[in-house]
N, C-alpha and C. Protein backbone atom coordinates (compact mmCIF):
# COMPACT_ATOMS: atom_id res chain seq x y z
N MET A 1 -132.47 84.35 113.81
CA MET A 1 -132.73 85.17 115.73
C MET A 1 -133.66 86.23 115.14
N THR A 2 -134.25 86.78 114.09
CA THR A 2 -135.19 88.32 114.39
C THR A 2 -136.13 87.83 115.77
N PRO A 3 -136.08 88.96 115.91
CA PRO A 3 -136.76 89.47 116.91
C PRO A 3 -138.49 89.66 116.33
N GLY A 4 -139.13 89.01 117.17
CA GLY A 4 -141.02 89.37 117.13
C GLY A 4 -141.52 90.76 117.68
N PRO A 5 -142.60 90.60 118.10
CA PRO A 5 -143.02 91.75 118.85
C PRO A 5 -142.40 92.45 119.32
N ASP A 6 -142.26 91.14 121.03
CA ASP A 6 -141.56 91.18 121.92
C ASP A 6 -140.23 91.88 122.25
N ALA A 7 -139.18 91.81 120.77
CA ALA A 7 -138.42 91.96 121.14
C ALA A 7 -137.31 90.50 121.70
N GLU A 8 -138.61 89.82 123.09
CA GLU A 8 -137.67 88.76 121.96
C GLU A 8 -137.02 87.33 120.86
N THR A 9 -135.93 86.72 121.25
CA THR A 9 -135.27 86.16 120.09
C THR A 9 -135.46 84.86 120.22
N LEU A 10 -135.57 83.94 118.96
CA LEU A 10 -135.53 82.01 119.30
C LEU A 10 -134.62 81.75 120.54
N ASP A 11 -133.05 81.82 120.84
CA ASP A 11 -132.45 81.84 121.48
C ASP A 11 -132.51 82.21 123.20
N GLY A 12 -133.29 83.32 122.91
CA GLY A 12 -133.55 83.53 124.49
C GLY A 12 -134.82 83.01 124.93
N ILE A 13 -136.05 82.13 124.60
CA ILE A 13 -136.50 81.72 125.25
C ILE A 13 -135.38 80.47 126.26
N LYS A 14 -136.64 80.77 126.79
CA LYS A 14 -136.06 80.27 128.77
C LYS A 14 -136.82 78.83 128.81
N ASP A 15 -136.50 78.29 129.71
CA ASP A 15 -136.80 76.76 130.50
C ASP A 15 -138.55 77.32 131.10
N LYS A 16 -138.75 78.28 131.45
CA LYS A 16 -139.71 78.57 132.19
C LYS A 16 -140.44 79.47 131.36
N SER A 17 -140.13 79.86 130.22
CA SER A 17 -141.01 80.20 129.11
C SER A 17 -141.88 79.14 128.60
N LEU A 18 -140.77 77.62 128.39
CA LEU A 18 -141.50 76.67 127.54
C LEU A 18 -142.52 76.05 128.61
N GLN A 19 -141.60 76.15 130.22
CA GLN A 19 -143.32 75.49 130.96
C GLN A 19 -145.01 77.11 130.73
N ASP A 20 -145.02 77.59 131.03
CA ASP A 20 -145.67 78.30 130.62
C ASP A 20 -146.38 78.36 129.33
N ILE A 21 -145.69 77.99 128.20
CA ILE A 21 -146.38 77.47 127.23
C ILE A 21 -147.06 76.19 126.68
N ILE A 22 -146.58 75.29 127.43
CA ILE A 22 -146.95 74.55 128.11
C ILE A 22 -148.91 74.24 128.69
N ARG A 23 -147.89 75.23 129.71
CA ARG A 23 -149.42 74.78 130.54
C ARG A 23 -150.68 75.81 130.10
N GLY A 24 -149.54 76.99 129.22
CA GLY A 24 -151.34 77.56 128.72
C GLY A 24 -151.40 76.74 127.27
N ILE A 25 -151.04 75.64 126.44
CA ILE A 25 -151.44 74.89 125.71
C ILE A 25 -152.93 73.97 126.51
N SER A 26 -152.24 73.34 127.31
CA SER A 26 -153.05 72.36 128.30
C SER A 26 -154.19 72.29 129.08
N THR A 27 -154.26 74.30 129.17
CA THR A 27 -155.52 74.30 129.59
C THR A 27 -156.36 74.98 128.70
N GLY A 28 -155.70 75.57 127.05
CA GLY A 28 -156.34 76.44 126.72
C GLY A 28 -156.28 77.69 126.64
N THR A 29 -155.44 78.18 127.35
CA THR A 29 -155.40 80.03 127.19
C THR A 29 -154.04 80.17 126.33
N PHE A 30 -153.44 79.33 126.38
CA PHE A 30 -152.88 79.76 125.02
C PHE A 30 -153.24 80.36 124.02
N LYS A 31 -152.43 82.20 123.93
CA LYS A 31 -152.89 82.96 122.94
C LYS A 31 -151.34 83.07 122.04
N PHE A 32 -152.11 83.07 120.44
CA PHE A 32 -150.79 83.75 119.60
C PHE A 32 -150.37 85.50 119.83
N LYS A 33 -149.87 86.04 119.98
CA LYS A 33 -149.89 86.68 119.57
C LYS A 33 -149.77 87.78 118.17
N PRO A 34 -149.99 88.87 118.12
CA PRO A 34 -149.51 89.78 116.42
C PRO A 34 -148.64 89.79 116.30
N ALA A 35 -147.75 90.01 115.37
CA ALA A 35 -147.73 89.96 114.44
C ALA A 35 -146.59 91.37 114.57
N ARG A 36 -145.28 91.12 114.26
CA ARG A 36 -144.78 92.74 114.00
C ARG A 36 -144.85 93.32 112.42
N THR A 37 -144.82 93.56 112.22
CA THR A 37 -144.66 94.88 110.97
C THR A 37 -143.61 94.60 109.98
N VAL A 38 -143.71 94.44 109.30
CA VAL A 38 -142.21 95.38 108.79
C VAL A 38 -142.43 95.82 107.44
N GLN A 39 -142.08 96.82 106.84
CA GLN A 39 -142.43 97.10 105.61
C GLN A 39 -141.48 97.23 104.16
N ILE A 40 -141.25 96.34 103.28
CA ILE A 40 -140.33 96.10 103.22
C ILE A 40 -140.42 96.27 101.29
N PRO A 41 -139.66 97.09 100.96
CA PRO A 41 -139.54 97.77 99.61
C PRO A 41 -139.50 96.47 98.32
N LYS A 42 -140.35 97.28 97.56
CA LYS A 42 -140.54 96.37 96.43
C LYS A 42 -139.36 96.91 95.26
N PRO A 43 -138.96 96.39 94.47
CA PRO A 43 -138.13 96.93 93.02
C PRO A 43 -138.57 98.02 92.82
N ASN A 44 -140.77 98.10 92.56
CA ASN A 44 -141.63 99.04 91.77
C ASN A 44 -141.17 100.48 92.14
N GLY A 45 -140.56 100.23 93.30
CA GLY A 45 -140.78 101.72 94.41
C GLY A 45 -141.94 101.72 95.50
N LYS A 46 -143.04 100.46 95.42
CA LYS A 46 -143.74 100.12 96.00
C LYS A 46 -143.28 99.41 97.61
N THR A 47 -144.60 99.23 98.49
CA THR A 47 -143.35 98.21 99.44
C THR A 47 -144.59 97.47 99.70
N ARG A 48 -143.28 95.90 100.73
CA ARG A 48 -145.29 95.23 100.78
C ARG A 48 -145.30 94.87 102.29
N THR A 49 -145.99 94.66 102.99
CA THR A 49 -145.67 93.95 104.64
C THR A 49 -145.13 92.96 104.90
N LEU A 50 -144.77 92.59 105.65
CA LEU A 50 -143.60 91.42 106.10
C LEU A 50 -144.83 91.51 107.91
N GLY A 51 -145.05 90.29 107.95
CA GLY A 51 -144.90 90.45 109.45
C GLY A 51 -144.48 88.43 109.58
N VAL A 52 -143.61 89.66 111.14
CA VAL A 52 -143.26 88.98 111.96
C VAL A 52 -143.12 87.74 113.68
N ALA A 53 -143.28 86.39 113.39
CA ALA A 53 -144.33 86.08 114.32
C ALA A 53 -143.18 85.48 115.20
N SER A 54 -143.59 86.38 116.49
CA SER A 54 -142.77 85.70 117.70
C SER A 54 -141.82 84.55 117.60
N PRO A 55 -141.05 84.60 118.32
CA PRO A 55 -140.58 83.10 118.44
C PRO A 55 -141.28 81.75 119.30
N ARG A 56 -141.69 82.53 120.34
CA ARG A 56 -142.57 81.46 121.12
C ARG A 56 -143.46 80.58 120.14
N ASP A 57 -144.47 82.32 119.36
CA ASP A 57 -145.43 81.31 118.10
C ASP A 57 -145.06 80.43 117.25
N LYS A 58 -143.70 80.96 117.09
CA LYS A 58 -143.01 79.95 115.70
C LYS A 58 -142.62 78.26 116.49
N LEU A 59 -142.15 79.09 118.09
CA LEU A 59 -141.58 77.20 118.01
C LEU A 59 -143.93 76.79 118.17
N VAL A 60 -144.23 77.29 118.61
CA VAL A 60 -146.42 76.46 118.94
C VAL A 60 -145.87 75.59 117.74
N GLN A 61 -146.32 76.75 116.39
CA GLN A 61 -146.51 76.67 115.21
C GLN A 61 -145.88 75.57 114.75
N GLU A 62 -144.74 75.80 114.66
CA GLU A 62 -143.76 73.99 113.94
C GLU A 62 -143.86 72.99 114.97
N ALA A 63 -144.00 72.23 116.43
CA ALA A 63 -144.44 72.07 116.93
C ALA A 63 -146.37 71.05 116.17
N MET A 64 -147.35 72.46 116.09
CA MET A 64 -148.26 71.75 115.72
C MET A 64 -147.93 70.99 113.75
N ARG A 65 -147.05 71.37 113.44
CA ARG A 65 -147.22 70.72 111.88
C ARG A 65 -146.41 69.99 111.56
N LEU A 66 -145.65 69.64 113.06
CA LEU A 66 -144.85 68.24 112.73
C LEU A 66 -146.14 67.40 113.54
N ILE A 67 -147.22 67.49 114.05
CA ILE A 67 -147.87 66.77 115.11
C ILE A 67 -148.86 66.11 113.81
N LEU A 68 -149.23 67.50 113.26
CA LEU A 68 -150.49 67.28 111.43
C LEU A 68 -149.68 66.70 110.64
N GLU A 69 -149.23 66.53 110.66
CA GLU A 69 -147.79 65.90 109.05
C GLU A 69 -147.68 64.49 109.72
N ALA A 70 -147.44 64.07 110.59
CA ALA A 70 -147.22 62.82 111.29
C ALA A 70 -148.92 62.08 111.66
N ILE A 71 -150.28 62.90 111.49
CA ILE A 71 -151.47 62.39 111.73
C ILE A 71 -151.97 61.68 110.45
N TYR A 72 -151.45 63.21 108.88
CA TYR A 72 -152.20 62.95 107.72
C TYR A 72 -151.35 62.95 106.62
N GLN A 73 -149.38 63.06 106.70
CA GLN A 73 -148.97 62.08 106.37
C GLN A 73 -149.16 61.04 105.16
N LYS A 74 -149.78 59.47 105.58
CA LYS A 74 -150.17 58.58 104.97
C LYS A 74 -151.94 58.96 104.57
N ASP A 75 -151.79 59.92 104.64
CA ASP A 75 -153.50 59.74 103.82
C ASP A 75 -153.33 60.41 102.06
N PHE A 76 -151.95 61.09 102.05
CA PHE A 76 -151.82 62.03 101.07
C PHE A 76 -151.38 60.90 99.72
N SER A 77 -151.82 62.01 98.76
CA SER A 77 -151.61 60.61 97.55
C SER A 77 -150.40 60.36 97.27
N ARG A 78 -149.58 59.02 96.64
CA ARG A 78 -148.55 58.83 96.04
C ARG A 78 -148.27 59.95 95.26
N HIS A 79 -148.97 60.39 94.46
CA HIS A 79 -148.41 61.43 94.09
C HIS A 79 -149.03 62.99 94.30
N SER A 80 -148.72 63.25 95.10
CA SER A 80 -149.17 64.76 95.54
C SER A 80 -147.33 64.80 96.11
N HIS A 81 -147.42 66.70 96.08
CA HIS A 81 -146.23 66.93 95.43
C HIS A 81 -146.39 68.10 96.28
N GLY A 82 -146.82 68.93 96.57
CA GLY A 82 -147.00 70.33 97.06
C GLY A 82 -147.09 70.07 98.49
N PHE A 83 -146.24 71.24 99.16
CA PHE A 83 -145.83 71.04 100.46
C PHE A 83 -145.76 69.90 101.48
N ILE A 84 -145.57 68.67 100.97
CA ILE A 84 -145.03 67.30 101.27
C ILE A 84 -143.53 67.37 102.01
N ALA A 85 -143.45 66.82 102.99
CA ALA A 85 -141.37 66.65 102.80
C ALA A 85 -140.49 66.26 101.80
N GLY A 86 -140.46 66.71 101.65
CA GLY A 86 -139.25 65.52 100.40
C GLY A 86 -139.37 65.84 98.87
N ARG A 87 -140.61 66.50 98.69
CA ARG A 87 -141.29 66.40 97.17
C ARG A 87 -141.40 68.06 97.09
N SER A 88 -141.08 68.29 95.44
CA SER A 88 -141.52 70.37 94.89
C SER A 88 -142.07 69.44 94.13
N CYS A 89 -141.58 71.08 93.32
CA CYS A 89 -142.46 70.88 91.99
C CYS A 89 -141.58 70.06 90.88
N HIS A 90 -139.86 69.98 91.51
CA HIS A 90 -139.45 68.94 90.37
C HIS A 90 -139.29 67.51 90.60
N THR A 91 -139.46 66.81 91.75
CA THR A 91 -140.09 65.15 92.47
C THR A 91 -141.22 65.32 91.27
N ALA A 92 -142.26 66.63 91.43
CA ALA A 92 -143.02 66.28 90.11
C ALA A 92 -143.34 66.24 88.06
N LEU A 93 -141.66 66.62 88.13
CA LEU A 93 -141.76 67.03 86.59
C LEU A 93 -140.79 65.34 86.90
N LYS A 94 -139.83 64.94 87.99
CA LYS A 94 -139.51 63.84 87.23
C LYS A 94 -140.09 63.02 87.41
N ASP A 95 -141.35 62.55 88.24
CA ASP A 95 -142.62 61.50 88.35
C ASP A 95 -143.26 61.67 86.61
N LEU A 96 -143.59 62.80 86.41
CA LEU A 96 -144.04 63.50 85.28
C LEU A 96 -143.38 62.32 84.20
N LYS A 97 -141.91 62.94 83.72
CA LYS A 97 -141.14 62.23 82.75
C LYS A 97 -141.15 61.23 83.35
N GLY A 98 -140.94 60.38 84.43
CA GLY A 98 -141.00 59.25 84.23
C GLY A 98 -142.05 58.34 83.60
N ARG A 99 -143.58 58.23 83.99
CA ARG A 99 -144.11 57.67 83.42
C ARG A 99 -145.04 58.48 82.04
N PHE A 100 -144.64 59.93 81.48
CA PHE A 100 -145.55 60.06 79.82
C PHE A 100 -143.31 59.90 79.61
N GLY A 101 -142.32 60.20 79.26
CA GLY A 101 -140.81 60.30 79.00
C GLY A 101 -140.72 61.55 78.75
N TYR A 102 -141.17 62.31 78.23
CA TYR A 102 -140.51 64.03 77.07
C TYR A 102 -141.04 64.69 78.34
N VAL A 103 -140.83 65.71 79.36
CA VAL A 103 -140.98 66.66 79.85
C VAL A 103 -140.37 67.49 80.35
N ASN A 104 -141.35 69.07 79.05
CA ASN A 104 -140.12 70.38 78.69
C ASN A 104 -139.73 71.25 80.80
C-alpha cells in the first residue's frame, strides 16, 4: 500500500473516489496525476529515479490493461511470449525445445 504523490493508498480509496473516477473518465475530464519520484541507491553509489503513481491512477491503468488485453489478446500469434498472460521467456524456451529439440 505505497502512497502516491497525494499520500492516498489503495485501501484508502472510497466509494466517492470511485464515482469521481468513473465520472471523470465518462466525461473525458480524467487526468493522471504526476508520479511521486523517489531516488533509489544503486550498488555503484549512484541513484536511479523511481516514479510512484497514485493509487487511483494505478486502478485506472489496470482497468485499461484488462480491457485492451481482452480486445487484442486474440490477435497475438500463438508463438508470441512477451507481455502475454501466462507466457514468458520460460514458455518461449519450452516451445523452442519442443520444436527443435535441444535448447541451452
